[in-house]
Amino acid sequence: MEKFDYSAEAELFPSRSRASRRQPVGYRRFACAAEAIRFAIEELPEEFLPGTSLEVDENRFNAQEIRDLYDHADYPLERLRSAPAPTGPFDGSHRTGIAVGAQPASATIDSKAIKKGR
């Protein structure tokens, strides 16, 4: 069974939002997938999240799968306080709260279960 490795190198490919007047966010490489996921959920402007993809070990994850990885119990970093899942599709409600410290990204989870929504 294939496990998701939060400590693996990752590449984030944010989408371009046609509705946004903000400067587009470009491709970024991260030393660990946990940091890429944190950036996508906590820092990426919400209008760029739909259409964003994450690549880890030659596997691609869409915006919902990125959110699932962030919400998973094995996610190794501290999350924003009071960071509930969005009530609607990427409404940004999960971006409230104060960021707290981080821990090493060493946990693994079943990436196939994430892709299948388990």
PDB file of N, CA and C in Angstrom:
ATOM      1  N   MET A   1       0.836  -1.181   0.000  1.00  0.00           N
ATOM      2  CA  MET A   1       0.000   0.000   0.000  1.00  0.00           C
ATOM      3  C   MET A   1       0.885   1.249   0.000  1.00  0.00           C
ATOM      4  N   GLU A   2       0.646   2.148  -0.896  1.00  0.00           N
ATOM      5  CA  GLU A   2       1.438   3.355  -1.046  1.00  0.00           C
ATOM      6  C   GLU A   2       1.094   4.367   0.042  1.00  0.00           C
ATOM      7  N   LYS A   3       2.120   4.922   0.689  1.00  0.00           N
ATOM      8  CA  LYS A   3       1.919   5.902   1.752  1.00  0.00           C
ATOM      9  C   LYS A   3       2.309   7.282   1.255  1.00  0.00           C
ATOM     10  N   PHE A   4       1.594   8.297   1.744  1.00  0.00           N
ATOM     11  CA  PHE A   4       1.965   9.672   1.425  1.00  0.00           C
ATOM     12  C   PHE A   4       3.052  10.096   2.392  1.00  0.00           C
ATOM     13  N   ASP A   5       4.123  10.636   1.856  1.00  0.00           N
ATOM     14  CA  ASP A   5       5.263  11.046   2.668  1.00  0.00           C
ATOM     15  C   ASP A   5       5.278  12.562   2.772  1.00  0.00           C
ATOM     16  N   TYR A   6       4.891  13.072   3.928  1.00  0.00           N
ATOM     17  CA  TYR A   6       4.863  14.518   4.150  1.00  0.00           C
ATOM     18  C   TYR A   6       6.259  15.138   4.120  1.00  0.00           C
ATOM     19  N   SER A   7       7.313  14.322   4.266  1.00  0.00           N
ATOM     20  CA  SER A   7       8.668  14.868   4.273  1.00  0.00           C
ATOM     21  C   SER A   7       9.316  14.871   2.885  1.00  0.00           C
ATOM     22  N   ALA A   8       8.639  14.322   1.883  1.00  0.00           N
ATOM     23  CA  ALA A   8       9.178  14.289   0.518  1.00  0.00           C
ATOM     24  C   ALA A   8       9.167  15.677  -0.110  1.00  0.00           C
ATOM     25  N   GLU A   9      10.078  15.903  -1.052  1.00  0.00           N
ATOM     26  CA  GLU A   9      10.081  17.164  -1.798  1.00  0.00           C
ATOM     27  C   GLU A   9       8.769  17.302  -2.551  1.00  0.00           C
ATOM     28  N   ALA A  10       8.334  18.544  -2.747  1.00  0.00           N
ATOM     29  CA  ALA A  10       7.050  18.778  -3.408  1.00  0.00           C
ATOM     30  C   ALA A  10       7.123  20.002  -4.306  1.00  0.00           C
ATOM     31  N   GLU A  11       6.257  19.985  -5.312  1.00  0.00           N
ATOM     32  CA  GLU A  11       6.120  21.121  -6.215  1.00  0.00           C
ATOM     33  C   GLU A  11       4.659  21.541  -6.204  1.00  0.00           C
ATOM     34  N   LEU A  12       4.434  22.844  -6.110  1.00  0.00           N
ATOM     35  CA  LEU A  12       3.081  23.382  -6.081  1.00  0.00           C
ATOM     36  C   LEU A  12       2.867  24.221  -7.341  1.00  0.00           C
ATOM     37  N   PHE A  13       1.765  23.931  -8.025  1.00  0.00           N
ATOM     38  CA  PHE A  13       1.432  24.625  -9.265  1.00  0.00           C
ATOM     39  C   PHE A  13       0.112  25.365  -9.061  1.00  0.00           C
ATOM     40  N   PRO A  14       0.167  26.599  -8.544  1.00  0.00           N
ATOM     41  CA  PRO A  14      -1.080  27.355  -8.344  1.00  0.00           C
ATOM     42  C   PRO A  14      -1.723  27.711  -9.679  1.00  0.00           C
ATOM     43  N   SER A  15      -3.045  27.748  -9.664  1.00  0.00           N
ATOM     44  CA  SER A  15      -3.756  28.150 -10.875  1.00  0.00           C
ATOM     45  C   SER A  15      -3.756  29.677 -10.965  1.00  0.00           C
ATOM     46  N   ARG A  16      -4.141  30.151 -12.105  1.00  0.00           N
ATOM     47  CA  ARG A  16      -4.299  31.598 -12.287  1.00  0.00           C
ATOM     48  C   ARG A  16      -5.781  31.906 -12.220  1.00  0.00           C
ATOM     49  N   SER A  17      -6.131  32.862 -11.403  1.00  0.00           N
ATOM     50  CA  SER A  17      -7.528  33.241 -11.259  1.00  0.00           C
ATOM     51  C   SER A  17      -7.831  34.409 -12.189  1.00  0.00           C
ATOM     52  N   ARG A  18      -8.779  34.207 -13.062  1.00  0.00           N
ATOM     53  CA  ARG A  18      -9.152  35.283 -13.993  1.00  0.00           C
ATOM     54  C   ARG A  18      -9.920  36.390 -13.287  1.00  0.00           C
ATOM     55  N   ALA A  19     -10.601  36.028 -12.189  1.00  0.00           N
ATOM     56  CA  ALA A  19     -11.417  37.000 -11.462  1.00  0.00           C
ATOM     57  C   ALA A  19     -10.578  37.864 -10.520  1.00  0.00           C
ATOM     58  N   SER A  20      -9.355  37.454 -10.240  1.00  0.00           N
ATOM     59  CA  SER A  20      -8.526  38.165  -9.275  1.00  0.00           C
ATOM     60  C   SER A  20      -7.752  39.298  -9.925  1.00  0.00           C
ATOM     61  N   ARG A  21      -7.595  40.347  -9.160  1.00  0.00           N
ATOM     62  CA  ARG A  21      -6.752  41.469  -9.602  1.00  0.00           C
ATOM     63  C   ARG A  21      -5.368  41.380  -8.970  1.00  0.00           C
ATOM     64  N   ARG A  22      -5.177  40.352  -8.147  1.00  0.00           N
ATOM     65  CA  ARG A  22      -3.889  40.153  -7.490  1.00  0.00           C
ATOM     66  C   ARG A  22      -2.865  39.629  -8.480  1.00  0.00           C
ATOM     67  N   GLN A  23      -1.619  39.856  -8.131  1.00  0.00           N
ATOM     68  CA  GLN A  23      -0.508  39.320  -8.923  1.00  0.00           C
ATOM     69  C   GLN A  23      -0.569  37.793  -8.846  1.00  0.00           C
ATOM     70  N   PRO A  24      -0.491  37.087  -9.960  1.00  0.00           N
ATOM     71  CA  PRO A  24      -0.543  35.623  -9.919  1.00  0.00           C
ATOM     72  C   PRO A  24       0.597  35.049  -9.073  1.00  0.00           C
ATOM     73  N   VAL A  25       0.315  33.944  -8.438  1.00  0.00           N
ATOM     74  CA  VAL A  25       1.315  33.225  -7.658  1.00  0.00           C
ATOM     75  C   VAL A  25       1.859  32.136  -8.571  1.00  0.00           C
ATOM     76  N   GLY A  26       3.167  32.051  -8.694  1.00  0.00           N
ATOM     77  CA  GLY A  26       3.761  31.091  -9.611  1.00  0.00           C
ATOM     78  C   GLY A  26       4.172  29.795  -8.953  1.00  0.00           C
ATOM     79  N   TYR A  27       4.742  28.941  -9.752  1.00  0.00           N
ATOM     80  CA  TYR A  27       5.269  27.637  -9.342  1.00  0.00           C
ATOM     81  C   TYR A  27       6.216  27.810  -8.165  1.00  0.00           C
ATOM     82  N   ARG A  28       6.122  26.871  -7.224  1.00  0.00           N
ATOM     83  CA  ARG A  28       7.051  26.867  -6.080  1.00  0.00           C
ATOM     84  C   ARG A  28       7.471  25.444  -5.776  1.00  0.00           C
ATOM     85  N   ARG A  29       8.725  25.301  -5.374  1.00  0.00           N
ATOM     86  CA  ARG A  29       9.270  24.015  -4.950  1.00  0.00           C
ATOM     87  C   ARG A  29       9.481  24.102  -3.433  1.00  0.00           C
ATOM     88  N   PHE A  30       9.153  22.995  -2.735  1.00  0.00           N
ATOM     89  CA  PHE A  30       9.281  22.946  -1.286  1.00  0.00           C
ATOM     90  C   PHE A  30      10.143  21.758  -0.885  1.00  0.00           C
ATOM     91  N   ALA A  31      10.911  21.911   0.171  1.00  0.00           N
ATOM     92  CA  ALA A  31      11.752  20.826   0.676  1.00  0.00           C
ATOM     93  C   ALA A  31      10.914  19.685   1.232  1.00  0.00           C
ATOM     94  N   CYS A  32       9.715  20.001   1.717  1.00  0.00           N
ATOM     95  CA  CYS A  32       8.840  18.938   2.217  1.00  0.00           C
ATOM     96  C   CYS A  32       7.387  19.240   1.836  1.00  0.00           C
ATOM     97  N   ALA A  33       6.653  18.168   1.580  1.00  0.00           N
ATOM     98  CA  ALA A  33       5.261  18.283   1.143  1.00  0.00           C
ATOM     99  C   ALA A  33       4.391  18.970   2.196  1.00  0.00           C
ATOM    100  N   ALA A  34       4.687  18.737   3.467  1.00  0.00           N
ATOM    101  CA  ALA A  34       3.882  19.363   4.532  1.00  0.00           C
ATOM    102  C   ALA A  34       3.910  20.885   4.411  1.00  0.00           C
ATOM    103  N   GLU A  35       5.067  21.456   4.097  1.00  0.00           N
ATOM    104  CA  GLU A  35       5.172  22.912   3.931  1.00  0.00           C
ATOM    105  C   GLU A  35       4.407  23.389   2.699  1.00  0.00           C
ATOM    106  N   ALA A  36       4.445  22.616   1.620  1.00  0.00           N
ATOM    107  CA  ALA A  36       3.693  22.976   0.415  1.00  0.00           C
ATOM    108  C   ALA A  36       2.199  22.964   0.695  1.00  0.00           C
ATOM    109  N   ILE A  37       1.745  21.957   1.418  1.00  0.00           N
ATOM    110  CA  ILE A  37       0.324  21.852   1.766  1.00  0.00           C
ATOM    111  C   ILE A  37      -0.074  23.011   2.670  1.00  0.00           C
ATOM    112  N   ARG A  38       0.767  23.307   3.671  1.00  0.00           N
ATOM    113  CA  ARG A  38       0.492  24.435   4.565  1.00  0.00           C
ATOM    114  C   ARG A  38       0.394  25.739   3.774  1.00  0.00           C
ATOM    115  N   PHE A  39       1.319  25.947   2.865  1.00  0.00           N
ATOM    116  CA  PHE A  39       1.299  27.161   2.060  1.00  0.00           C
ATOM    117  C   PHE A  39       0.011  27.242   1.238  1.00  0.00           C
ATOM    118  N   ALA A  40      -0.361  26.149   0.595  1.00  0.00           N
ATOM    119  CA  ALA A  40      -1.559  26.141  -0.257  1.00  0.00           C
ATOM    120  C   ALA A  40      -2.820  26.470   0.541  1.00  0.00           C
ATOM    121  N   ILE A  41      -2.944  25.919   1.736  1.00  0.00           N
ATOM    122  CA  ILE A  41      -4.156  26.101   2.520  1.00  0.00           C
ATOM    123  C   ILE A  41      -4.147  27.392   3.340  1.00  0.00           C
ATOM    124  N   GLU A  42      -3.013  27.741   3.919  1.00  0.00           N
ATOM    125  CA  GLU A  42      -2.972  28.867   4.838  1.00  0.00           C
ATOM    126  C   GLU A  42      -2.521  30.188   4.218  1.00  0.00           C
ATOM    127  N   GLU A  43      -1.747  30.151   3.143  1.00  0.00           N
ATOM    128  CA  GLU A  43      -1.182  31.386   2.608  1.00  0.00           C
ATOM    129  C   GLU A  43      -1.615  31.726   1.185  1.00  0.00           C
ATOM    130  N   LEU A  44      -1.860  30.736   0.374  1.00  0.00           N
ATOM    131  CA  LEU A  44      -2.245  30.986  -1.012  1.00  0.00           C
ATOM    132  C   LEU A  44      -3.582  31.725  -1.031  1.00  0.00           C
ATOM    133  N   PRO A  45      -3.696  32.823  -1.756  1.00  0.00           N
ATOM    134  CA  PRO A  45      -4.992  33.500  -1.832  1.00  0.00           C
ATOM    135  C   PRO A  45      -6.078  32.524  -2.277  1.00  0.00           C
ATOM    136  N   GLU A  46      -7.209  32.551  -1.593  1.00  0.00           N
ATOM    137  CA  GLU A  46      -8.253  31.542  -1.816  1.00  0.00           C
ATOM    138  C   GLU A  46      -8.715  31.441  -3.255  1.00  0.00           C
ATOM    139  N   GLU A  47      -8.653  32.508  -4.015  1.00  0.00           N
ATOM    140  CA  GLU A  47      -9.114  32.440  -5.402  1.00  0.00           C
ATOM    141  C   GLU A  47      -8.166  31.641  -6.297  1.00  0.00           C
ATOM    142  N   PHE A  48      -6.938  31.364  -5.799  1.00  0.00           N
ATOM    143  CA  PHE A  48      -5.984  30.582  -6.570  1.00  0.00           C
ATOM    144  C   PHE A  48      -6.034  29.094  -6.242  1.00  0.00           C
ATOM    145  N   LEU A  49      -6.688  28.708  -5.131  1.00  0.00           N
ATOM    146  CA  LEU A  49      -6.694  27.300  -4.736  1.00  0.00           C
ATOM    147  C   LEU A  49      -7.415  26.381  -5.719  1.00  0.00           C
ATOM    148  N   PRO A  50      -8.628  26.707  -6.174  1.00  0.00           N
ATOM    149  CA  PRO A  50      -9.242  25.818  -7.186  1.00  0.00           C
ATOM    150  C   PRO A  50      -8.343  25.775  -8.433  1.00  0.00           C
ATOM    151  N   GLY A  51      -8.051  24.600  -8.884  1.00  0.00           N
ATOM    152  CA  GLY A  51      -7.176  24.453 -10.050  1.00  0.00           C
ATOM    153  C   GLY A  51      -5.716  24.281  -9.691  1.00  0.00           C
ATOM    154  N   THR A  52      -5.360  24.481  -8.424  1.00  0.00           N
ATOM    155  CA  THR A  52      -3.988  24.296  -7.975  1.00  0.00           C
ATOM    156  C   THR A  52      -3.692  22.811  -7.864  1.00  0.00           C
ATOM    157  N   SER A  53      -2.466  22.423  -8.185  1.00  0.00           N
ATOM    158  CA  SER A  53      -2.088  21.025  -8.012  1.00  0.00           C
ATOM    159  C   SER A  53      -0.753  20.936  -7.280  1.00  0.00           C
ATOM    160  N   LEU A  54      -0.602  19.818  -6.588  1.00  0.00           N
ATOM    161  CA  LEU A  54       0.599  19.517  -5.822  1.00  0.00           C
ATOM    162  C   LEU A  54       1.185  18.242  -6.410  1.00  0.00           C
ATOM    163  N   GLU A  55       2.493  18.232  -6.647  1.00  0.00           N
ATOM    164  CA  GLU A  55       3.146  17.020  -7.136  1.00  0.00           C
ATOM    165  C   GLU A  55       4.162  16.555  -6.109  1.00  0.00           C
ATOM    166  N   VAL A  56       3.994  15.290  -5.686  1.00  0.00           N
ATOM    167  CA  VAL A  56       4.884  14.664  -4.713  1.00  0.00           C
ATOM    168  C   VAL A  56       5.196  13.261  -5.213  1.00  0.00           C
ATOM    169  N   ASP A  57       6.464  12.948  -5.356  1.00  0.00           N
ATOM    170  CA  ASP A  57       6.885  11.624  -5.836  1.00  0.00           C
ATOM    171  C   ASP A  57       6.142  11.217  -7.109  1.00  0.00           C
ATOM    172  N   GLU A  58       6.038  12.118  -8.048  1.00  0.00           N
ATOM    173  CA  GLU A  58       5.390  11.909  -9.349  1.00  0.00           C
ATOM    174  C   GLU A  58       3.887  11.633  -9.263  1.00  0.00           C
ATOM    175  N   ASN A  59       3.267  11.927  -8.115  1.00  0.00           N
ATOM    176  CA  ASN A  59       1.816  11.831  -7.960  1.00  0.00           C
ATOM    177  C   ASN A  59       1.260  13.244  -7.859  1.00  0.00           C
ATOM    178  N   ARG A  60       0.154  13.471  -8.552  1.00  0.00           N
ATOM    179  CA  ARG A  60      -0.482  14.797  -8.514  1.00  0.00           C
ATOM    180  C   ARG A  60      -1.723  14.766  -7.645  1.00  0.00           C
ATOM    181  N   PHE A  61      -1.930  15.866  -6.921  1.00  0.00           N
ATOM    182  CA  PHE A  61      -3.079  16.026  -6.037  1.00  0.00           C
ATOM    183  C   PHE A  61      -3.771  17.333  -6.392  1.00  0.00           C
ATOM    184  N   ASN A  62      -5.098  17.279  -6.530  1.00  0.00           N
ATOM    185  CA  ASN A  62      -5.852  18.492  -6.855  1.00  0.00           C
ATOM    186  C   ASN A  62      -6.155  19.272  -5.577  1.00  0.00           C
ATOM    187  N   ALA A  63      -6.867  20.374  -5.701  1.00  0.00           N
ATOM    188  CA  ALA A  63      -7.133  21.257  -4.564  1.00  0.00           C
ATOM    189  C   ALA A  63      -7.859  20.535  -3.432  1.00  0.00           C
ATOM    190  N   GLN A  64      -8.853  19.723  -3.749  1.00  0.00           N
ATOM    191  CA  GLN A  64      -9.586  19.014  -2.688  1.00  0.00           C
ATOM    192  C   GLN A  64      -8.689  17.987  -2.013  1.00  0.00           C
ATOM    193  N   GLU A  65      -7.839  17.322  -2.771  1.00  0.00           N
ATOM    194  CA  GLU A  65      -6.921  16.345  -2.196  1.00  0.00           C
ATOM    195  C   GLU A  65      -5.871  17.027  -1.316  1.00  0.00           C
ATOM    196  N   ILE A  66      -5.454  18.231  -1.707  1.00  0.00           N
ATOM    197  CA  ILE A  66      -4.529  19.014  -0.881  1.00  0.00           C
ATOM    198  C   ILE A  66      -5.201  19.320   0.454  1.00  0.00           C
ATOM    199  N   ARG A  67      -6.464  19.742   0.386  1.00  0.00           N
ATOM    200  CA  ARG A  67      -7.217  20.038   1.618  1.00  0.00           C
ATOM    201  C   ARG A  67      -7.354  18.776   2.474  1.00  0.00           C
ATOM    202  N   ASP A  68      -7.611  17.626   1.856  1.00  0.00           N
ATOM    203  CA  ASP A  68      -7.731  16.365   2.590  1.00  0.00           C
ATOM    204  C   ASP A  68      -6.410  16.006   3.287  1.00  0.00           C
ATOM    205  N   LEU A  69      -5.290  16.227   2.613  1.00  0.00           N
ATOM    206  CA  LEU A  69      -3.989  15.974   3.222  1.00  0.00           C
ATOM    207  C   LEU A  69      -3.753  16.896   4.411  1.00  0.00           C
ATOM    208  N   TYR A  70      -4.168  18.150   4.296  1.00  0.00           N
ATOM    209  CA  TYR A  70      -4.037  19.122   5.384  1.00  0.00           C
ATOM    210  C   TYR A  70      -4.905  18.713   6.575  1.00  0.00           C
ATOM    211  N   ASP A  71      -6.121  18.247   6.308  1.00  0.00           N
ATOM    212  CA  ASP A  71      -7.068  17.871   7.360  1.00  0.00           C
ATOM    213  C   ASP A  71      -6.774  16.508   7.985  1.00  0.00           C
ATOM    214  N   HIS A  72      -5.957  15.694   7.338  1.00  0.00           N
ATOM    215  CA  HIS A  72      -5.691  14.340   7.812  1.00  0.00           C
ATOM    216  C   HIS A  72      -5.001  14.361   9.177  1.00  0.00           C
ATOM    217  N   ALA A  73      -5.321  13.389  10.004  1.00  0.00           N
ATOM    218  CA  ALA A  73      -4.752  13.285  11.358  1.00  0.00           C
ATOM    219  C   ALA A  73      -3.229  13.173  11.336  1.00  0.00           C
ATOM    220  N   ASP A  74      -2.649  12.642  10.268  1.00  0.00           N
ATOM    221  CA  ASP A  74      -1.198  12.473  10.184  1.00  0.00           C
ATOM    222  C   ASP A  74      -0.458  13.718   9.702  1.00  0.00           C
ATOM    223  N   TYR A  75      -1.188  14.790   9.369  1.00  0.00           N
ATOM    224  CA  TYR A  75      -0.515  16.022   8.933  1.00  0.00           C
ATOM    225  C   TYR A  75       0.404  16.473  10.068  1.00  0.00           C
ATOM    226  N   PRO A  76       1.710  16.613   9.811  1.00  0.00           N
ATOM    227  CA  PRO A  76       2.681  16.793  10.899  1.00  0.00           C
ATOM    228  C   PRO A  76       2.870  18.212  11.425  1.00  0.00           C
ATOM    229  N   LEU A  77       2.362  19.223  10.752  1.00  0.00           N
ATOM    230  CA  LEU A  77       2.581  20.598  11.201  1.00  0.00           C
ATOM    231  C   LEU A  77       1.384  21.111  11.995  1.00  0.00           C
ATOM    232  N   GLU A  78       1.633  22.123  12.811  1.00  0.00           N
ATOM    233  CA  GLU A  78       0.540  22.776  13.523  1.00  0.00           C
ATOM    234  C   GLU A  78      -0.339  23.489  12.506  1.00  0.00           C
ATOM    235  N   ARG A  79      -1.648  23.421  12.708  1.00  0.00           N
ATOM    236  CA  ARG A  79      -2.599  24.107  11.827  1.00  0.00           C
ATOM    237  C   ARG A  79      -2.979  25.443  12.443  1.00  0.00           C
ATOM    238  N   LEU A  80      -3.621  26.271  11.638  1.00  0.00           N
ATOM    239  CA  LEU A  80      -4.160  27.511  12.169  1.00  0.00           C
ATOM    240  C   LEU A  80      -5.155  27.170  13.260  1.00  0.00           C
ATOM    241  N   ARG A  81      -5.198  27.983  14.291  1.00  0.00           N
ATOM    242  CA  ARG A  81      -6.227  27.790  15.318  1.00  0.00           C
ATOM    243  C   ARG A  81      -7.577  28.082  14.710  1.00  0.00           C
ATOM    244  N   SER A  82      -8.572  27.348  15.141  1.00  0.00           N
ATOM    245  CA  SER A  82      -9.949  27.529  14.649  1.00  0.00           C
ATOM    246  C   SER A  82     -10.000  27.465  13.138  1.00  0.00           C
ATOM    247  N   ALA A  83      -9.384  26.455  12.567  1.00  0.00           N
ATOM    248  CA  ALA A  83      -9.336  26.322  11.109  1.00  0.00           C
ATOM    249  C   ALA A  83     -10.268  25.209  10.650  1.00  0.00           C
ATOM    250  N   PRO A  84     -11.595  25.451  10.670  1.00  0.00           N
ATOM    251  CA  PRO A  84     -12.513  24.418  10.200  1.00  0.00           C
ATOM    252  C   PRO A  84     -12.427  24.259   8.694  1.00  0.00           C
ATOM    253  N   ALA A  85     -12.907  23.127   8.210  1.00  0.00           N
ATOM    254  CA  ALA A  85     -12.970  22.916   6.760  1.00  0.00           C
ATOM    255  C   ALA A  85     -13.929  23.933   6.175  1.00  0.00           C
ATOM    256  N   PRO A  86     -13.721  24.352   4.940  1.00  0.00           N
ATOM    257  CA  PRO A  86     -14.609  25.322   4.320  1.00  0.00           C
ATOM    258  C   PRO A  86     -16.046  24.797   4.278  1.00  0.00           C
ATOM    259  N   THR A  87     -16.992  25.711   4.440  1.00  0.00           N
ATOM    260  CA  THR A  87     -18.396  25.318   4.384  1.00  0.00           C
ATOM    261  C   THR A  87     -18.869  25.166   2.953  1.00  0.00           C
ATOM    262  N   GLY A  88     -18.252  25.857   2.032  1.00  0.00           N
ATOM    263  CA  GLY A  88     -18.575  25.759   0.616  1.00  0.00           C
ATOM    264  C   GLY A  88     -17.300  25.483  -0.139  1.00  0.00           C
ATOM    265  N   PRO A  89     -17.386  25.363  -1.457  1.00  0.00           N
ATOM    266  CA  PRO A  89     -16.175  25.075  -2.219  1.00  0.00           C
ATOM    267  C   PRO A  89     -15.174  26.213  -2.124  1.00  0.00           C
ATOM    268  N   PHE A  90     -14.123  26.000  -1.335  1.00  0.00           N
ATOM    269  CA  PHE A  90     -13.010  26.938  -1.238  1.00  0.00           C
ATOM    270  C   PHE A  90     -13.462  28.354  -0.933  1.00  0.00           C
ATOM    271  N   ASP A  91     -14.295  28.510   0.114  1.00  0.00           N
ATOM    272  CA  ASP A  91     -14.782  29.841   0.457  1.00  0.00           C
ATOM    273  C   ASP A  91     -13.818  30.630   1.326  1.00  0.00           C
ATOM    274  N   GLY A  92     -12.717  30.006   1.732  1.00  0.00           N
ATOM    275  CA  GLY A  92     -11.703  30.718   2.499  1.00  0.00           C
ATOM    276  C   GLY A  92     -11.977  30.756   3.987  1.00  0.00           C
ATOM    277  N   SER A  93     -13.087  30.170   4.473  1.00  0.00           N
ATOM    278  CA  SER A  93     -13.401  30.236   5.892  1.00  0.00           C
ATOM    279  C   SER A  93     -12.360  29.525   6.739  1.00  0.00           C
ATOM    280  N   HIS A  94     -11.563  28.621   6.149  1.00  0.00           N
ATOM    281  CA  HIS A  94     -10.533  27.901   6.889  1.00  0.00           C
ATOM    282  C   HIS A  94      -9.301  28.761   7.124  1.00  0.00           C
ATOM    283  N   ARG A  95      -9.291  29.985   6.639  1.00  0.00           N
ATOM    284  CA  ARG A  95      -8.117  30.841   6.759  1.00  0.00           C
ATOM    285  C   ARG A  95      -8.188  31.781   7.954  1.00  0.00           C
ATOM    286  N   THR A  96      -9.058  31.510   8.902  1.00  0.00           N
ATOM    287  CA  THR A  96      -9.151  32.352  10.080  1.00  0.00           C
ATOM    288  C   THR A  96      -8.281  31.790  11.176  1.00  0.00           C
ATOM    289  N   GLY A  97      -7.837  32.620  12.077  1.00  0.00           N
ATOM    290  CA  GLY A  97      -7.046  32.159  13.208  1.00  0.00           C
ATOM    291  C   GLY A  97      -5.614  32.639  13.125  1.00  0.00           C
ATOM    292  N   ILE A  98      -4.820  32.143  14.055  1.00  0.00           N
ATOM    293  CA  ILE A  98      -3.435  32.563  14.182  1.00  0.00           C
ATOM    294  C   ILE A  98      -2.543  31.358  13.955  1.00  0.00           C
ATOM    295  N   ALA A  99      -1.530  31.529  13.141  1.00  0.00           N
ATOM    296  CA  ALA A  99      -0.613  30.422  12.877  1.00  0.00           C
ATOM    297  C   ALA A  99       0.202  30.131  14.127  1.00  0.00           C
ATOM    298  N   VAL A 100       0.459  28.873  14.378  1.00  0.00           N
ATOM    299  CA  VAL A 100       1.283  28.463  15.507  1.00  0.00           C
ATOM    300  C   VAL A 100       2.462  27.667  14.992  1.00  0.00           C
ATOM    301  N   GLY A 101       3.398  27.283  15.878  1.00  0.00           N
ATOM    302  CA  GLY A 101       4.655  26.648  15.483  1.00  0.00           C
ATOM    303  C   GLY A 101       4.525  25.394  14.653  1.00  0.00           C
ATOM    304  N   ALA A 102       5.654  24.947  14.097  1.00  0.00           N
ATOM    305  CA  ALA A 102       5.658  23.774  13.221  1.00  0.00           C
ATOM    306  C   ALA A 102       6.523  22.680  13.824  1.00  0.00           C
ATOM    307  N   GLN A 103       6.294  21.453  13.380  1.00  0.00           N
ATOM    308  CA  GLN A 103       7.080  20.301  13.795  1.00  0.00           C
ATOM    309  C   GLN A 103       7.624  19.619  12.543  1.00  0.00           C
ATOM    310  N   PRO A 104       8.612  18.734  12.701  1.00  0.00           N
ATOM    311  CA  PRO A 104       9.174  18.052  11.528  1.00  0.00           C
ATOM    312  C   PRO A 104       8.122  17.260  10.756  1.00  0.00           C
ATOM    313  N   ALA A 105       8.285  17.224   9.446  1.00  0.00           N
ATOM    314  CA  ALA A 105       7.339  16.514   8.577  1.00  0.00           C
ATOM    315  C   ALA A 105       7.836  15.097   8.352  1.00  0.00           C
ATOM    316  N   SER A 106       7.466  14.175   9.249  1.00  0.00           N
ATOM    317  CA  SER A 106       7.973  12.820   9.119  1.00  0.00           C
ATOM    318  C   SER A 106       6.870  11.773   9.030  1.00  0.00           C
ATOM    319  N   ALA A 107       5.626  12.172   9.203  1.00  0.00           N
ATOM    320  CA  ALA A 107       4.526  11.201   9.183  1.00  0.00           C
ATOM    321  C   ALA A 107       4.197  10.783   7.755  1.00  0.00           C
ATOM    322  N   THR A 108       3.610   9.600   7.641  1.00  0.00           N
ATOM    323  CA  THR A 108       3.149   9.125   6.346  1.00  0.00           C
ATOM    324  C   THR A 108       1.700   8.694   6.467  1.00  0.00           C
ATOM    325  N   ILE A 109       0.946   8.819   5.377  1.00  0.00           N
ATOM    326  CA  ILE A 109      -0.433   8.345   5.332  1.00  0.00           C
ATOM    327  C   ILE A 109      -0.654   7.645   4.006  1.00  0.00           C
ATOM    328  N   ASP A 110      -1.772   7.015   3.875  1.00  0.00           N
ATOM    329  CA  ASP A 110      -2.124   6.286   2.660  1.00  0.00           C
ATOM    330  C   ASP A 110      -2.640   7.270   1.616  1.00  0.00           C
ATOM    331  N   SER A 111      -1.813   7.605   0.615  1.00  0.00           N
ATOM    332  CA  SER A 111      -2.216   8.589  -0.393  1.00  0.00           C
ATOM    333  C   SER A 111      -3.306   8.063  -1.302  1.00  0.00           C
ATOM    334  N   LYS A 112      -3.411   6.751  -1.474  1.00  0.00           N
ATOM    335  CA  LYS A 112      -4.489   6.196  -2.292  1.00  0.00           C
ATOM    336  C   LYS A 112      -5.825   6.385  -1.587  1.00  0.00           C
ATOM    337  N   ALA A 113      -5.843   6.298  -0.262  1.00  0.00           N
ATOM    338  CA  ALA A 113      -7.086   6.524   0.478  1.00  0.00           C
ATOM    339  C   ALA A 113      -7.509   7.983   0.339  1.00  0.00           C
ATOM    340  N   ILE A 114      -6.562   8.920   0.346  1.00  0.00           N
ATOM    341  CA  ILE A 114      -6.892  10.334   0.160  1.00  0.00           C
ATOM    342  C   ILE A 114      -7.529  10.526  -1.204  1.00  0.00           C
ATOM    343  N   LYS A 115      -6.943   9.946  -2.236  1.00  0.00           N
ATOM    344  CA  LYS A 115      -7.472  10.102  -3.585  1.00  0.00           C
ATOM    345  C   LYS A 115      -8.855   9.486  -3.720  1.00  0.00           C
ATOM    346  N   LYS A 116      -9.140   8.432  -2.937  1.00  0.00           N
ATOM    347  CA  LYS A 116     -10.450   7.782  -3.007  1.00  0.00           C
ATOM    348  C   LYS A 116     -11.422   8.368  -1.994  1.00  0.00           C
ATOM    349  N   GLY A 117     -10.988   9.351  -1.192  1.00  0.00           N
ATOM    350  CA  GLY A 117     -11.874  10.016  -0.252  1.00  0.00           C
ATOM    351  C   GLY A 117     -12.144   9.231   1.023  1.00  0.00           C
ATOM    352  N   ARG A 118     -11.225   8.380   1.425  1.00  0.00           N
ATOM    353  CA  ARG A 118     -11.401   7.614   2.660  1.00  0.00           C
ATOM    354  C   ARG A 118     -10.780   8.322   3.821  1.00  0.00           C
TER     355      ARG A 118
END
